[in-house]
Each structure stands twice: as structure tokens, then as C-alpha cells.
N, C-alpha and C. Protein backbone atom coordinates (compact mmCIF):
# COMPACT_ATOMS: atom_id res chain seq x y z
N MET A 1 111.88 -125.45 -56.03
CA MET A 1 111.04 -126.44 -55.34
C MET A 1 110.02 -125.75 -54.44
N GLU A 2 110.47 -124.75 -53.68
CA GLU A 2 109.56 -124.05 -52.78
C GLU A 2 108.47 -123.30 -53.55
N ASP A 3 108.86 -122.72 -54.68
CA ASP A 3 107.90 -121.96 -55.49
C ASP A 3 106.73 -122.84 -55.92
N VAL A 4 107.04 -124.04 -56.37
CA VAL A 4 106.00 -124.98 -56.80
C VAL A 4 105.05 -125.26 -55.63
N ASN A 5 105.61 -125.50 -54.46
CA ASN A 5 104.78 -125.81 -53.29
C ASN A 5 103.87 -124.64 -52.91
N THR A 6 104.43 -123.42 -52.91
CA THR A 6 103.62 -122.28 -52.53
C THR A 6 102.52 -122.05 -53.56
N GLY A 7 102.84 -122.25 -54.84
CA GLY A 7 101.84 -122.11 -55.88
C GLY A 7 100.71 -123.10 -55.67
N ASP A 8 101.06 -124.35 -55.36
CA ASP A 8 100.04 -125.38 -55.13
C ASP A 8 99.17 -125.02 -53.93
N SER A 9 99.79 -124.56 -52.85
CA SER A 9 99.02 -124.25 -51.64
C SER A 9 98.11 -123.07 -51.89
N LYS A 10 98.58 -122.09 -52.69
CA LYS A 10 97.71 -120.95 -53.02
C LYS A 10 96.49 -121.43 -53.79
N ARG A 11 96.73 -122.33 -54.78
CA ARG A 11 95.62 -122.83 -55.59
C ARG A 11 94.67 -123.62 -54.71
N LEU A 12 95.22 -124.41 -53.80
CA LEU A 12 94.37 -125.19 -52.89
C LEU A 12 93.53 -124.26 -52.02
N ASN A 13 94.15 -123.20 -51.52
CA ASN A 13 93.41 -122.25 -50.68
C ASN A 13 92.27 -121.61 -51.46
N LYS A 14 92.55 -121.25 -52.71
CA LYS A 14 91.52 -120.64 -53.55
C LYS A 14 90.36 -121.62 -53.74
N ASN A 15 90.70 -122.88 -54.06
CA ASN A 15 89.67 -123.88 -54.29
C ASN A 15 88.85 -124.15 -53.04
N SER A 16 89.52 -124.24 -51.90
CA SER A 16 88.80 -124.53 -50.66
C SER A 16 87.90 -123.35 -50.29
N LEU A 17 88.36 -122.13 -50.59
CA LEU A 17 87.54 -120.95 -50.31
C LEU A 17 86.29 -120.98 -51.18
N ARG A 18 86.47 -121.30 -52.47
CA ARG A 18 85.34 -121.36 -53.39
C ARG A 18 84.38 -122.46 -52.95
N GLN A 19 84.93 -123.60 -52.54
CA GLN A 19 84.10 -124.71 -52.07
C GLN A 19 83.32 -124.30 -50.83
N LYS A 20 83.97 -123.55 -49.95
CA LYS A 20 83.32 -123.09 -48.72
C LYS A 20 82.12 -122.21 -49.07
N GLN A 21 82.31 -121.30 -50.04
CA GLN A 21 81.21 -120.43 -50.46
C GLN A 21 80.07 -121.24 -51.04
N LYS A 22 80.42 -122.26 -51.86
CA LYS A 22 79.38 -123.13 -52.43
C LYS A 22 78.62 -123.83 -51.32
N ASP A 23 79.35 -124.35 -50.34
CA ASP A 23 78.71 -125.06 -49.22
C ASP A 23 77.77 -124.14 -48.46
N GLU A 24 78.21 -122.90 -48.23
CA GLU A 24 77.37 -121.94 -47.51
C GLU A 24 76.10 -121.64 -48.28
N LEU A 25 76.25 -121.44 -49.61
CA LEU A 25 75.08 -121.20 -50.45
C LEU A 25 74.13 -122.38 -50.39
N PHE A 26 74.71 -123.59 -50.49
CA PHE A 26 73.90 -124.80 -50.49
C PHE A 26 73.15 -124.96 -49.17
N SER A 27 73.84 -124.76 -48.07
CA SER A 27 73.18 -124.92 -46.77
C SER A 27 72.12 -123.85 -46.58
N LYS A 28 72.35 -122.66 -47.16
CA LYS A 28 71.35 -121.59 -47.09
C LYS A 28 70.09 -122.02 -47.84
N LYS A 29 70.29 -122.59 -49.04
CA LYS A 29 69.16 -123.07 -49.83
C LYS A 29 68.40 -124.15 -49.08
N VAL A 30 69.14 -125.09 -48.53
CA VAL A 30 68.51 -126.18 -47.78
C VAL A 30 67.71 -125.62 -46.61
N ALA A 31 68.28 -124.65 -45.93
CA ALA A 31 67.60 -124.03 -44.79
C ALA A 31 66.31 -123.35 -45.25
N ASP A 32 66.39 -122.63 -46.39
CA ASP A 32 65.20 -121.96 -46.93
C ASP A 32 64.11 -122.98 -47.25
N VAL A 33 64.49 -124.05 -47.93
CA VAL A 33 63.52 -125.09 -48.28
C VAL A 33 62.93 -125.70 -47.02
N GLY A 34 63.78 -125.98 -46.04
CA GLY A 34 63.31 -126.55 -44.79
C GLY A 34 62.33 -125.62 -44.10
N LEU A 35 62.62 -124.33 -44.14
CA LEU A 35 61.75 -123.33 -43.52
C LEU A 35 60.39 -123.32 -44.22
N LYS A 36 60.41 -123.32 -45.56
CA LYS A 36 59.16 -123.33 -46.33
C LYS A 36 58.35 -124.57 -46.00
N ASN A 37 59.01 -125.72 -45.96
CA ASN A 37 58.31 -126.97 -45.64
C ASN A 37 57.69 -126.91 -44.26
N THR A 38 58.42 -126.36 -43.32
CA THR A 38 57.92 -126.23 -41.95
C THR A 38 56.69 -125.34 -41.91
N ILE A 39 56.74 -124.24 -42.64
CA ILE A 39 55.61 -123.30 -42.70
C ILE A 39 54.39 -124.00 -43.32
N GLU A 40 54.62 -124.72 -44.43
CA GLU A 40 53.53 -125.44 -45.08
C GLU A 40 52.91 -126.45 -44.12
N LEU A 41 53.78 -127.19 -43.43
CA LEU A 41 53.29 -128.19 -42.47
C LEU A 41 52.46 -127.53 -41.38
N SER A 42 52.95 -126.41 -40.85
CA SER A 42 52.23 -125.75 -39.75
C SER A 42 50.89 -125.19 -40.25
N LYS A 43 50.84 -124.77 -41.51
CA LYS A 43 49.57 -124.31 -42.08
C LYS A 43 48.58 -125.47 -42.15
N LYS A 44 49.07 -126.64 -42.55
CA LYS A 44 48.19 -127.81 -42.64
C LYS A 44 47.71 -128.24 -41.26
N MET A 45 48.57 -128.11 -40.28
CA MET A 45 48.22 -128.57 -38.93
C MET A 45 47.25 -127.61 -38.24
N ARG A 46 47.32 -126.34 -38.60
CA ARG A 46 46.62 -125.31 -37.84
C ARG A 46 45.08 -125.41 -37.89
N PRO A 47 44.45 -125.64 -39.06
CA PRO A 47 43.00 -125.46 -39.18
C PRO A 47 42.18 -125.91 -37.98
N PHE A 48 42.43 -127.10 -37.49
CA PHE A 48 41.69 -127.52 -36.30
C PHE A 48 42.47 -127.03 -35.08
């Protein structure tokens, strides 16, 4: 019984770790896009 539980928790930990990495990548991408948009906006605002 204990073996099954530990196996499940290990698999859960692996999945949550992988999900965490995906989330970090995603938030990094979002941040990059946001930064680019901000730069574009500031370029448009600057001329005058």
C-alpha cells in the first residue's frame, strides 16, 4: 500500500515540476512580448 502511494507522489512531483518549468517559460515569453510592445509604444509616442 505504501509503495503505491510513494510512486504516485513521485509521479505527481515530476508532473508539477514539469508544469512549473512550462509556467516559467510561458511567463518569460509573455514578459518578452510585453517588453516588445512597450518598446513599440514608446517609439510611437516619442516623435513629438
